[in-house]
């Protein structure tokens, strides 16, 4: 994994990211939603609550209505 790189791009439509090898492309504006970046990634319950197997941002958090950058990057690396 040390050779994985990321680039910011303007991806079409609702694409958050695209990976066809290296680099992994991340949409500049998170498909119009904007990116949310956790200040303390291991403390996710401060900004989200569990709904079944998914996490939804609490209405009063900075994550509300935004895409989770850490989640997208983790998915691509996974």
C-alpha atoms as a PDB file:
ATOM      1  CA  UNK A   1       0.000   0.000   0.000  1.00  0.00           C
ATOM      2  CA  UNK A   2       2.891   2.475   0.253  1.00  0.00           C
ATOM      3  CA  UNK A   3       2.567   3.237  -3.455  1.00  0.00           C
ATOM      4  CA  UNK A   4      -1.091   4.303  -3.323  1.00  0.00           C
ATOM      5  CA  UNK A   5      -1.649   7.930  -4.230  1.00  0.00           C
ATOM      6  CA  UNK A   6      -4.678  10.203  -4.383  1.00  0.00           C
ATOM      7  CA  UNK A   7      -5.555  13.056  -6.696  1.00  0.00           C
ATOM      8  CA  UNK A   8      -8.332  15.621  -6.532  1.00  0.00           C
ATOM      9  CA  UNK A   9     -10.452  15.762  -9.692  1.00  0.00           C
ATOM     10  CA  UNK A  10     -13.781  17.023 -11.010  1.00  0.00           C
ATOM     11  CA  UNK A  11     -15.643  13.743 -11.446  1.00  0.00           C
ATOM     12  CA  UNK A  12     -18.948  13.598 -13.335  1.00  0.00           C
ATOM     13  CA  UNK A  13     -22.372  13.370 -11.722  1.00  0.00           C
ATOM     14  CA  UNK A  14     -22.609  11.745  -8.323  1.00  0.00           C
ATOM     15  CA  UNK A  15     -19.210  10.034  -8.363  1.00  0.00           C
ATOM     16  CA  UNK A  16     -17.343  10.547  -5.093  1.00  0.00           C
ATOM     17  CA  UNK A  17     -14.261   8.695  -6.225  1.00  0.00           C
ATOM     18  CA  UNK A  18     -12.877   6.582  -8.997  1.00  0.00           C
ATOM     19  CA  UNK A  19     -10.130   4.021  -8.909  1.00  0.00           C
ATOM     20  CA  UNK A  20      -8.877   2.321 -12.020  1.00  0.00           C
ATOM     21  CA  UNK A  21      -5.535   1.530 -10.480  1.00  0.00           C
ATOM     22  CA  UNK A  22      -3.297   4.255  -9.167  1.00  0.00           C
ATOM     23  CA  UNK A  23      -3.946   7.097  -8.402  1.00  0.00           C
ATOM     24  CA  UNK A  24      -7.336   7.020  -6.699  1.00  0.00           C
ATOM     25  CA  UNK A  25      -9.350  10.064  -7.764  1.00  0.00           C
ATOM     26  CA  UNK A  26     -11.462  11.961  -5.229  1.00  0.00           C
ATOM     27  CA  UNK A  27     -14.133  14.385  -6.366  1.00  0.00           C
ATOM     28  CA  UNK A  28     -13.247  17.963  -5.526  1.00  0.00           C
ATOM     29  CA  UNK A  29     -16.680  18.762  -4.046  1.00  0.00           C
ATOM     30  CA  UNK A  30     -17.875  15.283  -2.975  1.00  0.00           C
ATOM     31  CA  UNK A  31     -20.529  15.236  -5.706  1.00  0.00           C
ATOM     32  CA  UNK A  32     -21.917  18.541  -4.462  1.00  0.00           C
ATOM     33  CA  UNK A  33     -22.244  17.486  -0.815  1.00  0.00           C
ATOM     34  CA  UNK A  34     -18.841  18.622   0.428  1.00  0.00           C
ATOM     35  CA  UNK A  35     -16.414  16.486   2.376  1.00  0.00           C
ATOM     36  CA  UNK A  36     -16.499  15.949   6.108  1.00  0.00           C
ATOM     37  CA  UNK A  37     -13.139  15.244   7.743  1.00  0.00           C
ATOM     38  CA  UNK A  38     -13.112  13.807  11.254  1.00  0.00           C
ATOM     39  CA  UNK A  39     -10.877  15.767  13.582  1.00  0.00           C
ATOM     40  CA  UNK A  40     -10.701  12.694  15.831  1.00  0.00           C
ATOM     41  CA  UNK A  41     -11.488   9.639  13.628  1.00  0.00           C
ATOM     42  CA  UNK A  42     -11.779   7.162  16.520  1.00  0.00           C
ATOM     43  CA  UNK A  43     -14.423   9.354  18.193  1.00  0.00           C
ATOM     44  CA  UNK A  44     -17.089   9.005  15.471  1.00  0.00           C
ATOM     45  CA  UNK A  45     -20.007   8.783  17.911  1.00  0.00           C
ATOM     46  CA  UNK A  46     -19.665  12.527  18.555  1.00  0.00           C
ATOM     47  CA  UNK A  47     -20.822  13.305  15.003  1.00  0.00           C
ATOM     48  CA  UNK A  48     -22.889  10.258  14.040  1.00  0.00           C
ATOM     49  CA  UNK A  49     -25.266   7.707  15.455  1.00  0.00           C
ATOM     50  CA  UNK A  50     -25.801   4.104  14.449  1.00  0.00           C
ATOM     51  CA  UNK A  51     -28.880   3.333  12.356  1.00  0.00           C
ATOM     52  CA  UNK A  52     -28.908  -0.400  11.797  1.00  0.00           C
ATOM     53  CA  UNK A  53     -25.522  -1.166  10.231  1.00  0.00           C
ATOM     54  CA  UNK A  54     -25.065   2.353   8.858  1.00  0.00           C
ATOM     55  CA  UNK A  55     -24.008   5.585  10.511  1.00  0.00           C
ATOM     56  CA  UNK A  56     -25.971   8.783   9.975  1.00  0.00           C
ATOM     57  CA  UNK A  57     -24.703  12.206  10.975  1.00  0.00           C
ATOM     58  CA  UNK A  58     -26.507  13.830  13.855  1.00  0.00           C
ATOM     59  CA  UNK A  59     -28.367  16.957  12.777  1.00  0.00           C
ATOM     60  CA  UNK A  60     -26.246  19.284  14.897  1.00  0.00           C
ATOM     61  CA  UNK A  61     -22.868  17.956  13.746  1.00  0.00           C
ATOM     62  CA  UNK A  62     -20.580  19.353  11.070  1.00  0.00           C
ATOM     63  CA  UNK A  63     -20.987  16.025   9.238  1.00  0.00           C
ATOM     64  CA  UNK A  64     -24.690  16.540   8.528  1.00  0.00           C
ATOM     65  CA  UNK A  65     -25.312  16.487   4.779  1.00  0.00           C
ATOM     66  CA  UNK A  66     -21.657  15.862   3.903  1.00  0.00           C
ATOM     67  CA  UNK A  67     -19.706  12.849   2.685  1.00  0.00           C
ATOM     68  CA  UNK A  68     -17.282  11.139   5.045  1.00  0.00           C
ATOM     69  CA  UNK A  69     -13.824  11.397   3.466  1.00  0.00           C
ATOM     70  CA  UNK A  70     -12.278   8.827   5.806  1.00  0.00           C
ATOM     71  CA  UNK A  71     -15.036   6.337   4.982  1.00  0.00           C
ATOM     72  CA  UNK A  72     -14.576   6.787   1.225  1.00  0.00           C
ATOM     73  CA  UNK A  73     -10.788   6.460   1.424  1.00  0.00           C
ATOM     74  CA  UNK A  74     -11.049   3.402   3.692  1.00  0.00           C
ATOM     75  CA  UNK A  75     -13.472   1.794   1.260  1.00  0.00           C
ATOM     76  CA  UNK A  76     -11.076   2.317  -1.640  1.00  0.00           C
ATOM     77  CA  UNK A  77      -8.100   0.959   0.276  1.00  0.00           C
ATOM     78  CA  UNK A  78     -10.107  -1.992   1.626  1.00  0.00           C
END
